[in-house]
Amino acid sequence: MLHDLLEYLVDGDGLTDAQLPFTRRYGGSVIPMLCRGRATCNGSSTGNVSQPMLAEIRNSLAHGDPFDGLPWSGLLELVRDLIEYAYRSYLLEAQTGGSH
């Protein structure tokens, strides 16, 4: 389900690197980590196929990987930004106290 949500954020909702505080702050591109399984993602090349996808990193850390279980720098910050993007309308509604 995480993989499908991440792909939807890019293809269905139009998420770009410019919309994430993480990539604005540190540079680079996160989009290839969200939907690498295809040749293009949101109209751009998915880049390095040897780079693990975010869903794969999550599964590795959640279920254990005895050979490559080291922490990923910035992972929590990136996940926070993705959650805030995915639920931005709910967060806005909670902040304003009403529906929009």
PDB file of N, CA and C in Angstrom:
ATOM      1  N   MET A   1       0.810  -1.192   0.000  1.00  0.00           N
ATOM      2  CA  MET A   1       0.000   0.000   0.000  1.00  0.00           C
ATOM      3  C   MET A   1       0.863   1.270   0.000  1.00  0.00           C
ATOM      4  N   LEU A   2       1.977   1.275   0.714  1.00  0.00           N
ATOM      5  CA  LEU A   2       2.830   2.454   0.743  1.00  0.00           C
ATOM      6  C   LEU A   2       3.336   2.772  -0.651  1.00  0.00           C
ATOM      7  N   HIS A   3       3.785   1.756  -1.367  1.00  0.00           N
ATOM      8  CA  HIS A   3       4.288   1.957  -2.729  1.00  0.00           C
ATOM      9  C   HIS A   3       3.211   2.596  -3.611  1.00  0.00           C
ATOM     10  N   ASP A   4       1.978   2.089  -3.519  1.00  0.00           N
ATOM     11  CA  ASP A   4       0.877   2.633  -4.321  1.00  0.00           C
ATOM     12  C   ASP A   4       0.575   4.082  -3.951  1.00  0.00           C
ATOM     13  N   LEU A   5       0.589   4.401  -2.657  1.00  0.00           N
ATOM     14  CA  LEU A   5       0.345   5.774  -2.220  1.00  0.00           C
ATOM     15  C   LEU A   5       1.427   6.708  -2.751  1.00  0.00           C
ATOM     16  N   LEU A   6       2.676   6.295  -2.658  1.00  0.00           N
ATOM     17  CA  LEU A   6       3.777   7.139  -3.124  1.00  0.00           C
ATOM     18  C   LEU A   6       3.692   7.375  -4.627  1.00  0.00           C
ATOM     19  N   GLU A   7       3.358   6.333  -5.387  1.00  0.00           N
ATOM     20  CA  GLU A   7       3.194   6.505  -6.833  1.00  0.00           C
ATOM     21  C   GLU A   7       2.035   7.430  -7.135  1.00  0.00           C
ATOM     22  N   TYR A   8       0.935   7.304  -6.380  1.00  0.00           N
ATOM     23  CA  TYR A   8      -0.213   8.179  -6.607  1.00  0.00           C
ATOM     24  C   TYR A   8       0.149   9.641  -6.334  1.00  0.00           C
ATOM     25  N   LEU A   9       0.914   9.891  -5.272  1.00  0.00           N
ATOM     26  CA  LEU A   9       1.293  11.271  -4.963  1.00  0.00           C
ATOM     27  C   LEU A   9       1.980  11.926  -6.153  1.00  0.00           C
ATOM     28  N   VAL A  10       2.801  11.148  -6.860  1.00  0.00           N
ATOM     29  CA  VAL A  10       3.542  11.687  -8.003  1.00  0.00           C
ATOM     30  C   VAL A  10       2.664  11.736  -9.253  1.00  0.00           C
ATOM     31  N   ASP A  11       2.085  10.624  -9.633  1.00  0.00           N
ATOM     32  CA  ASP A  11       1.338  10.555 -10.887  1.00  0.00           C
ATOM     33  C   ASP A  11      -0.079  11.104 -10.787  1.00  0.00           C
ATOM     34  N   GLY A  12      -0.775  10.799  -9.709  1.00  0.00           N
ATOM     35  CA  GLY A  12      -2.174  11.219  -9.582  1.00  0.00           C
ATOM     36  C   GLY A  12      -2.353  12.607  -9.012  1.00  0.00           C
ATOM     37  N   ASP A  13      -1.444  13.020  -8.141  1.00  0.00           N
ATOM     38  CA  ASP A  13      -1.597  14.300  -7.456  1.00  0.00           C
ATOM     39  C   ASP A  13      -0.573  15.335  -7.921  1.00  0.00           C
ATOM     40  N   GLY A  14       0.398  14.910  -8.725  1.00  0.00           N
ATOM     41  CA  GLY A  14       1.348  15.851  -9.312  1.00  0.00           C
ATOM     42  C   GLY A  14       2.465  16.327  -8.397  1.00  0.00           C
ATOM     43  N   LEU A  15       2.817  15.539  -7.404  1.00  0.00           N
ATOM     44  CA  LEU A  15       3.900  15.915  -6.495  1.00  0.00           C
ATOM     45  C   LEU A  15       5.209  16.087  -7.265  1.00  0.00           C
ATOM     46  N   THR A  16       5.903  17.181  -6.969  1.00  0.00           N
ATOM     47  CA  THR A  16       7.222  17.427  -7.550  1.00  0.00           C
ATOM     48  C   THR A  16       8.218  17.674  -6.426  1.00  0.00           C
ATOM     49  N   ASP A  17       9.492  17.593  -6.743  1.00  0.00           N
ATOM     50  CA  ASP A  17      10.529  17.870  -5.756  1.00  0.00           C
ATOM     51  C   ASP A  17      10.395  19.284  -5.189  1.00  0.00           C
ATOM     52  N   ALA A  18       9.974  20.227  -6.011  1.00  0.00           N
ATOM     53  CA  ALA A  18       9.859  21.623  -5.575  1.00  0.00           C
ATOM     54  C   ALA A  18       8.803  21.808  -4.487  1.00  0.00           C
ATOM     55  N   GLN A  19       7.864  20.884  -4.364  1.00  0.00           N
ATOM     56  CA  GLN A  19       6.811  20.999  -3.365  1.00  0.00           C
ATOM     57  C   GLN A  19       7.215  20.458  -2.001  1.00  0.00           C
ATOM     58  N   LEU A  20       8.337  19.782  -1.922  1.00  0.00           N
ATOM     59  CA  LEU A  20       8.771  19.200  -0.657  1.00  0.00           C
ATOM     60  C   LEU A  20       9.830  20.066   0.010  1.00  0.00           C
ATOM     61  N   PRO A  21       9.598  20.478   1.252  1.00  0.00           N
ATOM     62  CA  PRO A  21      10.604  21.258   1.969  1.00  0.00           C
ATOM     63  C   PRO A  21      11.962  20.548   2.020  1.00  0.00           C
ATOM     64  N   PHE A  22      11.952  19.233   2.094  1.00  0.00           N
ATOM     65  CA  PHE A  22      13.184  18.447   2.174  1.00  0.00           C
ATOM     66  C   PHE A  22      14.093  18.725   0.982  1.00  0.00           C
ATOM     67  N   THR A  23      13.542  18.653  -0.235  1.00  0.00           N
ATOM     68  CA  THR A  23      14.376  18.849  -1.425  1.00  0.00           C
ATOM     69  C   THR A  23      14.683  20.321  -1.664  1.00  0.00           C
ATOM     70  N   ARG A  24      13.796  21.212  -1.242  1.00  0.00           N
ATOM     71  CA  ARG A  24      14.129  22.643  -1.339  1.00  0.00           C
ATOM     72  C   ARG A  24      15.289  22.983  -0.410  1.00  0.00           C
ATOM     73  N   ARG A  25      15.319  22.341   0.745  1.00  0.00           N
ATOM     74  CA  ARG A  25      16.360  22.616   1.740  1.00  0.00           C
ATOM     75  C   ARG A  25      17.690  21.982   1.354  1.00  0.00           C
ATOM     76  N   TYR A  26      17.658  20.720   0.903  1.00  0.00           N
ATOM     77  CA  TYR A  26      18.897  19.968   0.700  1.00  0.00           C
ATOM     78  C   TYR A  26      19.255  19.713  -0.757  1.00  0.00           C
ATOM     79  N   GLY A  27      18.334  19.965  -1.682  1.00  0.00           N
ATOM     80  CA  GLY A  27      18.598  19.695  -3.095  1.00  0.00           C
ATOM     81  C   GLY A  27      18.346  18.234  -3.426  1.00  0.00           C
ATOM     82  N   GLY A  28      18.733  17.845  -4.599  1.00  0.00           N
ATOM     83  CA  GLY A  28      18.537  16.466  -5.029  1.00  0.00           C
ATOM     84  C   GLY A  28      17.117  16.225  -5.499  1.00  0.00           C
ATOM     85  N   SER A  29      16.818  14.959  -5.742  1.00  0.00           N
ATOM     86  CA  SER A  29      15.492  14.583  -6.215  1.00  0.00           C
ATOM     87  C   SER A  29      14.998  13.361  -5.454  1.00  0.00           C
ATOM     88  N   VAL A  30      13.789  13.447  -4.969  1.00  0.00           N
ATOM     89  CA  VAL A  30      13.161  12.363  -4.224  1.00  0.00           C
ATOM     90  C   VAL A  30      12.223  11.567  -5.123  1.00  0.00           C
ATOM     91  N   ILE A  31      11.711  12.196  -6.152  1.00  0.00           N
ATOM     92  CA  ILE A  31      10.701  11.573  -7.007  1.00  0.00           C
ATOM     93  C   ILE A  31      11.129  10.196  -7.528  1.00  0.00           C
ATOM     94  N   PRO A  32      12.365   9.991  -7.994  1.00  0.00           N
ATOM     95  CA  PRO A  32      12.752   8.639  -8.445  1.00  0.00           C
ATOM     96  C   PRO A  32      12.658   7.581  -7.342  1.00  0.00           C
ATOM     97  N   MET A  33      12.785   7.974  -6.091  1.00  0.00           N
ATOM     98  CA  MET A  33      12.667   7.013  -4.985  1.00  0.00           C
ATOM     99  C   MET A  33      11.215   6.623  -4.722  1.00  0.00           C
ATOM    100  N   LEU A  34      10.281   7.371  -5.282  1.00  0.00           N
ATOM    101  CA  LEU A  34       8.874   7.111  -5.023  1.00  0.00           C
ATOM    102  C   LEU A  34       8.226   6.223  -6.078  1.00  0.00           C
ATOM    103  N   CYS A  35       8.736   6.236  -7.308  1.00  0.00           N
ATOM    104  CA  CYS A  35       8.085   5.452  -8.365  1.00  0.00           C
ATOM    105  C   CYS A  35       9.074   4.972  -9.411  1.00  0.00           C
ATOM    106  N   ARG A  36      10.144   4.368  -8.981  1.00  0.00           N
ATOM    107  CA  ARG A  36      11.207   3.926  -9.871  1.00  0.00           C
ATOM    108  C   ARG A  36      10.807   2.764 -10.767  1.00  0.00           C
ATOM    109  N   GLY A  37       9.731   2.083 -10.486  1.00  0.00           N
ATOM    110  CA  GLY A  37       9.372   0.879 -11.220  1.00  0.00           C
ATOM    111  C   GLY A  37       9.031   1.087 -12.674  1.00  0.00           C
ATOM    112  N   ARG A  38       8.931   2.325 -13.122  1.00  0.00           N
ATOM    113  CA  ARG A  38       8.579   2.612 -14.511  1.00  0.00           C
ATOM    114  C   ARG A  38       9.668   3.455 -15.162  1.00  0.00           C
ATOM    115  N   ALA A  39       9.617   3.570 -16.474  1.00  0.00           N
ATOM    116  CA  ALA A  39      10.639   4.351 -17.191  1.00  0.00           C
ATOM    117  C   ALA A  39      10.551   5.832 -16.854  1.00  0.00           C
ATOM    118  N   THR A  40       9.322   6.348 -16.687  1.00  0.00           N
ATOM    119  CA  THR A  40       9.153   7.747 -16.318  1.00  0.00           C
ATOM    120  C   THR A  40       8.205   7.853 -15.139  1.00  0.00           C
ATOM    121  N   CYS A  41       8.317   8.963 -14.462  1.00  0.00           N
ATOM    122  CA  CYS A  41       7.498   9.206 -13.286  1.00  0.00           C
ATOM    123  C   CYS A  41       7.180  10.698 -13.290  1.00  0.00           C
ATOM    124  N   ASN A  42       5.917  11.041 -13.467  1.00  0.00           N
ATOM    125  CA  ASN A  42       5.502  12.442 -13.545  1.00  0.00           C
ATOM    126  C   ASN A  42       6.212  13.145 -14.701  1.00  0.00           C
ATOM    127  N   GLY A  43       6.403  12.409 -15.802  1.00  0.00           N
ATOM    128  CA  GLY A  43       7.001  12.995 -16.989  1.00  0.00           C
ATOM    129  C   GLY A  43       8.514  13.071 -17.007  1.00  0.00           C
ATOM    130  N   SER A  44       9.189  12.622 -15.952  1.00  0.00           N
ATOM    131  CA  SER A  44      10.650  12.684 -15.933  1.00  0.00           C
ATOM    132  C   SER A  44      11.232  11.289 -15.751  1.00  0.00           C
ATOM    133  N   SER A  45      12.491  11.145 -16.130  1.00  0.00           N
ATOM    134  CA  SER A  45      13.181   9.870 -16.006  1.00  0.00           C
ATOM    135  C   SER A  45      13.277   9.471 -14.540  1.00  0.00           C
ATOM    136  N   THR A  46      13.155   8.177 -14.256  1.00  0.00           N
ATOM    137  CA  THR A  46      13.213   7.720 -12.877  1.00  0.00           C
ATOM    138  C   THR A  46      14.632   7.524 -12.381  1.00  0.00           C
ATOM    139  N   GLY A  47      15.613   7.750 -13.226  1.00  0.00           N
ATOM    140  CA  GLY A  47      17.000   7.776 -12.764  1.00  0.00           C
ATOM    141  C   GLY A  47      17.605   6.426 -12.466  1.00  0.00           C
ATOM    142  N   ASN A  48      18.438   6.390 -11.438  1.00  0.00           N
ATOM    143  CA  ASN A  48      19.260   5.247 -11.066  1.00  0.00           C
ATOM    144  C   ASN A  48      18.399   4.092 -10.537  1.00  0.00           C
ATOM    145  N   VAL A  49      18.338   2.983 -11.296  1.00  0.00           N
ATOM    146  CA  VAL A  49      17.516   1.855 -10.880  1.00  0.00           C
ATOM    147  C   VAL A  49      18.143   1.078  -9.723  1.00  0.00           C
ATOM    148  N   SER A  50      19.418   1.327  -9.424  1.00  0.00           N
ATOM    149  CA  SER A  50      20.041   0.635  -8.298  1.00  0.00           C
ATOM    150  C   SER A  50      19.723   1.330  -6.968  1.00  0.00           C
ATOM    151  N   GLN A  51      19.216   2.548  -7.028  1.00  0.00           N
ATOM    152  CA  GLN A  51      18.835   3.263  -5.806  1.00  0.00           C
ATOM    153  C   GLN A  51      17.549   2.644  -5.261  1.00  0.00           C
ATOM    154  N   PRO A  52      17.511   2.298  -3.972  1.00  0.00           N
ATOM    155  CA  PRO A  52      16.295   1.680  -3.436  1.00  0.00           C
ATOM    156  C   PRO A  52      15.140   2.667  -3.377  1.00  0.00           C
ATOM    157  N   MET A  53      13.945   2.144  -3.558  1.00  0.00           N
ATOM    158  CA  MET A  53      12.748   2.966  -3.442  1.00  0.00           C
ATOM    159  C   MET A  53      12.442   3.186  -1.965  1.00  0.00           C
ATOM    160  N   LEU A  54      11.723   4.255  -1.661  1.00  0.00           N
ATOM    161  CA  LEU A  54      11.389   4.575  -0.283  1.00  0.00           C
ATOM    162  C   LEU A  54      10.611   3.435   0.377  1.00  0.00           C
ATOM    163  N   ALA A  55       9.700   2.812  -0.350  1.00  0.00           N
ATOM    164  CA  ALA A  55       8.932   1.692   0.207  1.00  0.00           C
ATOM    165  C   ALA A  55       9.858   0.513   0.534  1.00  0.00           C
ATOM    166  N   GLU A  56      10.882   0.288  -0.281  1.00  0.00           N
ATOM    167  CA  GLU A  56      11.845  -0.787  -0.010  1.00  0.00           C
ATOM    168  C   GLU A  56      12.682  -0.478   1.229  1.00  0.00           C
ATOM    169  N   ILE A  57      13.077   0.786   1.370  1.00  0.00           N
ATOM    170  CA  ILE A  57      13.836   1.188   2.553  1.00  0.00           C
ATOM    171  C   ILE A  57      12.991   0.968   3.800  1.00  0.00           C
ATOM    172  N   ARG A  58      11.743   1.370   3.737  1.00  0.00           N
ATOM    173  CA  ARG A  58      10.830   1.197   4.870  1.00  0.00           C
ATOM    174  C   ARG A  58      10.686  -0.275   5.224  1.00  0.00           C
ATOM    175  N   ASN A  59      10.474  -1.120   4.237  1.00  0.00           N
ATOM    176  CA  ASN A  59      10.299  -2.549   4.494  1.00  0.00           C
ATOM    177  C   ASN A  59      11.556  -3.160   5.096  1.00  0.00           C
ATOM    178  N   SER A  60      12.701  -2.749   4.594  1.00  0.00           N
ATOM    179  CA  SER A  60      13.967  -3.252   5.109  1.00  0.00           C
ATOM    180  C   SER A  60      14.145  -2.887   6.574  1.00  0.00           C
ATOM    181  N   LEU A  61      13.846  -1.644   6.919  1.00  0.00           N
ATOM    182  CA  LEU A  61      14.008  -1.199   8.306  1.00  0.00           C
ATOM    183  C   LEU A  61      12.932  -1.778   9.220  1.00  0.00           C
ATOM    184  N   ALA A  62      11.714  -1.917   8.724  1.00  0.00           N
ATOM    185  CA  ALA A  62      10.612  -2.408   9.555  1.00  0.00           C
ATOM    186  C   ALA A  62      10.698  -3.909   9.820  1.00  0.00           C
ATOM    187  N   HIS A  63      11.173  -4.657   8.847  1.00  0.00           N
ATOM    188  CA  HIS A  63      11.172  -6.109   8.964  1.00  0.00           C
ATOM    189  C   HIS A  63      12.555  -6.695   9.204  1.00  0.00           C
ATOM    190  N   GLY A  64      13.539  -5.820   9.277  1.00  0.00           N
ATOM    191  CA  GLY A  64      14.888  -6.278   9.576  1.00  0.00           C
ATOM    192  C   GLY A  64      15.668  -6.701   8.358  1.00  0.00           C
ATOM    193  N   ASP A  65      16.883  -6.276   8.304  1.00  0.00           N
ATOM    194  CA  ASP A  65      17.806  -6.650   7.250  1.00  0.00           C
ATOM    195  C   ASP A  65      19.176  -6.769   7.913  1.00  0.00           C
ATOM    196  N   PRO A  66      19.613  -7.989   8.203  1.00  0.00           N
ATOM    197  CA  PRO A  66      20.834  -8.153   8.986  1.00  0.00           C
ATOM    198  C   PRO A  66      22.102  -7.655   8.289  1.00  0.00           C
ATOM    199  N   PHE A  67      22.046  -7.435   6.967  1.00  0.00           N
ATOM    200  CA  PHE A  67      23.246  -7.043   6.243  1.00  0.00           C
ATOM    201  C   PHE A  67      23.289  -5.561   5.884  1.00  0.00           C
ATOM    202  N   ASP A  68      22.157  -4.893   5.909  1.00  0.00           N
ATOM    203  CA  ASP A  68      22.123  -3.487   5.500  1.00  0.00           C
ATOM    204  C   ASP A  68      21.067  -2.734   6.290  1.00  0.00           C
ATOM    205  N   GLY A  69      21.127  -2.806   7.595  1.00  0.00           N
ATOM    206  CA  GLY A  69      20.103  -2.192   8.431  1.00  0.00           C
ATOM    207  C   GLY A  69      20.519  -0.879   9.046  1.00  0.00           C
ATOM    208  N   LEU A  70      21.489  -0.198   8.446  1.00  0.00           N
ATOM    209  CA  LEU A  70      21.955   1.061   9.010  1.00  0.00           C
ATOM    210  C   LEU A  70      20.926   2.158   8.807  1.00  0.00           C
ATOM    211  N   PRO A  71      20.903   3.164   9.667  1.00  0.00           N
ATOM    212  CA  PRO A  71      19.948   4.266   9.516  1.00  0.00           C
ATOM    213  C   PRO A  71      20.207   5.077   8.250  1.00  0.00           C
ATOM    214  N   TRP A  72      19.170   5.649   7.727  1.00  0.00           N
ATOM    215  CA  TRP A  72      19.249   6.485   6.536  1.00  0.00           C
ATOM    216  C   TRP A  72      19.164   7.940   6.971  1.00  0.00           C
ATOM    217  N   SER A  73      20.154   8.704   6.630  1.00  0.00           N
ATOM    218  CA  SER A  73      20.185  10.122   6.990  1.00  0.00           C
ATOM    219  C   SER A  73      19.016  10.859   6.336  1.00  0.00           C
ATOM    220  N   GLY A  74      18.266  11.600   7.115  1.00  0.00           N
ATOM    221  CA  GLY A  74      17.170  12.410   6.604  1.00  0.00           C
ATOM    222  C   GLY A  74      15.883  11.666   6.347  1.00  0.00           C
ATOM    223  N   LEU A  75      15.846  10.362   6.588  1.00  0.00           N
ATOM    224  CA  LEU A  75      14.655   9.575   6.268  1.00  0.00           C
ATOM    225  C   LEU A  75      13.421  10.068   7.015  1.00  0.00           C
ATOM    226  N   LEU A  76      13.531  10.317   8.303  1.00  0.00           N
ATOM    227  CA  LEU A  76      12.364  10.759   9.071  1.00  0.00           C
ATOM    228  C   LEU A  76      11.870  12.127   8.601  1.00  0.00           C
ATOM    229  N   GLU A  77      12.794  12.999   8.273  1.00  0.00           N
ATOM    230  CA  GLU A  77      12.404  14.323   7.790  1.00  0.00           C
ATOM    231  C   GLU A  77      11.676  14.224   6.449  1.00  0.00           C
ATOM    232  N   LEU A  78      12.164  13.383   5.561  1.00  0.00           N
ATOM    233  CA  LEU A  78      11.515  13.184   4.269  1.00  0.00           C
ATOM    234  C   LEU A  78      10.129  12.578   4.455  1.00  0.00           C
ATOM    235  N   VAL A  79      10.012  11.572   5.294  1.00  0.00           N
ATOM    236  CA  VAL A  79       8.714  10.933   5.530  1.00  0.00           C
ATOM    237  C   VAL A  79       7.730  11.938   6.118  1.00  0.00           C
ATOM    238  N   ARG A  80       8.200  12.771   7.047  1.00  0.00           N
ATOM    239  CA  ARG A  80       7.331  13.812   7.620  1.00  0.00           C
ATOM    240  C   ARG A  80       6.808  14.731   6.520  1.00  0.00           C
ATOM    241  N   ASP A  81       7.689  15.169   5.622  1.00  0.00           N
ATOM    242  CA  ASP A  81       7.267  16.058   4.539  1.00  0.00           C
ATOM    243  C   ASP A  81       6.268  15.374   3.611  1.00  0.00           C
ATOM    244  N   LEU A  82       6.466  14.092   3.326  1.00  0.00           N
ATOM    245  CA  LEU A  82       5.528  13.354   2.475  1.00  0.00           C
ATOM    246  C   LEU A  82       4.169  13.195   3.151  1.00  0.00           C
ATOM    247  N   ILE A  83       4.157  12.936   4.448  1.00  0.00           N
ATOM    248  CA  ILE A  83       2.894  12.818   5.187  1.00  0.00           C
ATOM    249  C   ILE A  83       2.171  14.159   5.183  1.00  0.00           C
ATOM    250  N   GLU A  84       2.907  15.231   5.438  1.00  0.00           N
ATOM    251  CA  GLU A  84       2.283  16.559   5.434  1.00  0.00           C
ATOM    252  C   GLU A  84       1.728  16.907   4.057  1.00  0.00           C
ATOM    253  N   TYR A  85       2.415  16.491   2.992  1.00  0.00           N
ATOM    254  CA  TYR A  85       1.901  16.729   1.647  1.00  0.00           C
ATOM    255  C   TYR A  85       0.636  15.894   1.409  1.00  0.00           C
ATOM    256  N   ALA A  86       0.694  14.611   1.741  1.00  0.00           N
ATOM    257  CA  ALA A  86      -0.428  13.711   1.473  1.00  0.00           C
ATOM    258  C   ALA A  86      -1.686  14.128   2.232  1.00  0.00           C
ATOM    259  N   TYR A  87      -1.529  14.647   3.433  1.00  0.00           N
ATOM    260  CA  TYR A  87      -2.678  14.990   4.273  1.00  0.00           C
ATOM    261  C   TYR A  87      -2.820  16.502   4.442  1.00  0.00           C
ATOM    262  N   ARG A  88      -2.334  17.264   3.477  1.00  0.00           N
ATOM    263  CA  ARG A  88      -2.321  18.722   3.608  1.00  0.00           C
ATOM    264  C   ARG A  88      -3.709  19.323   3.778  1.00  0.00           C
ATOM    265  N   SER A  89      -4.720  18.790   3.113  1.00  0.00           N
ATOM    266  CA  SER A  89      -6.063  19.359   3.255  1.00  0.00           C
ATOM    267  C   SER A  89      -6.621  19.097   4.657  1.00  0.00           C
ATOM    268  N   TYR A  90      -6.339  17.925   5.211  1.00  0.00           N
ATOM    269  CA  TYR A  90      -6.796  17.628   6.573  1.00  0.00           C
ATOM    270  C   TYR A  90      -6.065  18.492   7.599  1.00  0.00           C
ATOM    271  N   LEU A  91      -4.777  18.696   7.384  1.00  0.00           N
ATOM    272  CA  LEU A  91      -4.002  19.531   8.298  1.00  0.00           C
ATOM    273  C   LEU A  91      -4.465  20.982   8.237  1.00  0.00           C
ATOM    274  N   LEU A  92      -4.772  21.470   7.040  1.00  0.00           N
ATOM    275  CA  LEU A  92      -5.262  22.831   6.888  1.00  0.00           C
ATOM    276  C   LEU A  92      -6.616  22.993   7.586  1.00  0.00           C
ATOM    277  N   GLU A  93      -7.474  21.992   7.412  1.00  0.00           N
ATOM    278  CA  GLU A  93      -8.787  22.020   8.048  1.00  0.00           C
ATOM    279  C   GLU A  93      -8.652  22.032   9.575  1.00  0.00           C
ATOM    280  N   ALA A  94      -7.735  21.252  10.098  1.00  0.00           N
ATOM    281  CA  ALA A  94      -7.525  21.206  11.554  1.00  0.00           C
ATOM    282  C   ALA A  94      -6.985  22.539  12.057  1.00  0.00           C
ATOM    283  N   GLN A  95      -6.140  23.191  11.280  1.00  0.00           N
ATOM    284  CA  GLN A  95      -5.570  24.479  11.693  1.00  0.00           C
ATOM    285  C   GLN A  95      -6.595  25.592  11.658  1.00  0.00           C
ATOM    286  N   THR A  96      -7.496  25.555  10.652  1.00  0.00           N
ATOM    287  CA  THR A  96      -8.478  26.629  10.500  1.00  0.00           C
ATOM    288  C   THR A  96      -9.746  26.348  11.288  1.00  0.00           C
ATOM    289  N   GLY A  97      -9.918  25.102  11.721  1.00  0.00           N
ATOM    290  CA  GLY A  97     -11.100  24.760  12.520  1.00  0.00           C
ATOM    291  C   GLY A  97     -12.372  24.551  11.723  1.00  0.00           C
ATOM    292  N   GLY A  98     -12.280  24.425  10.429  1.00  0.00           N
ATOM    293  CA  GLY A  98     -13.461  24.194   9.615  1.00  0.00           C
ATOM    294  C   GLY A  98     -13.123  23.529   8.315  1.00  0.00           C
ATOM    295  N   SER A  99     -14.149  23.293   7.518  1.00  0.00           N
ATOM    296  CA  SER A  99     -13.908  22.678   6.209  1.00  0.00           C
ATOM    297  C   SER A  99     -13.723  23.760   5.170  1.00  0.00           C
ATOM    298  N   HIS A 100     -13.113  23.364   4.079  1.00  0.00           N
ATOM    299  CA  HIS A 100     -12.893  24.321   2.986  1.00  0.00           C
ATOM    300  C   HIS A 100     -13.378  23.755   1.683  1.00  0.00           C
TER     301      HIS A 100
END
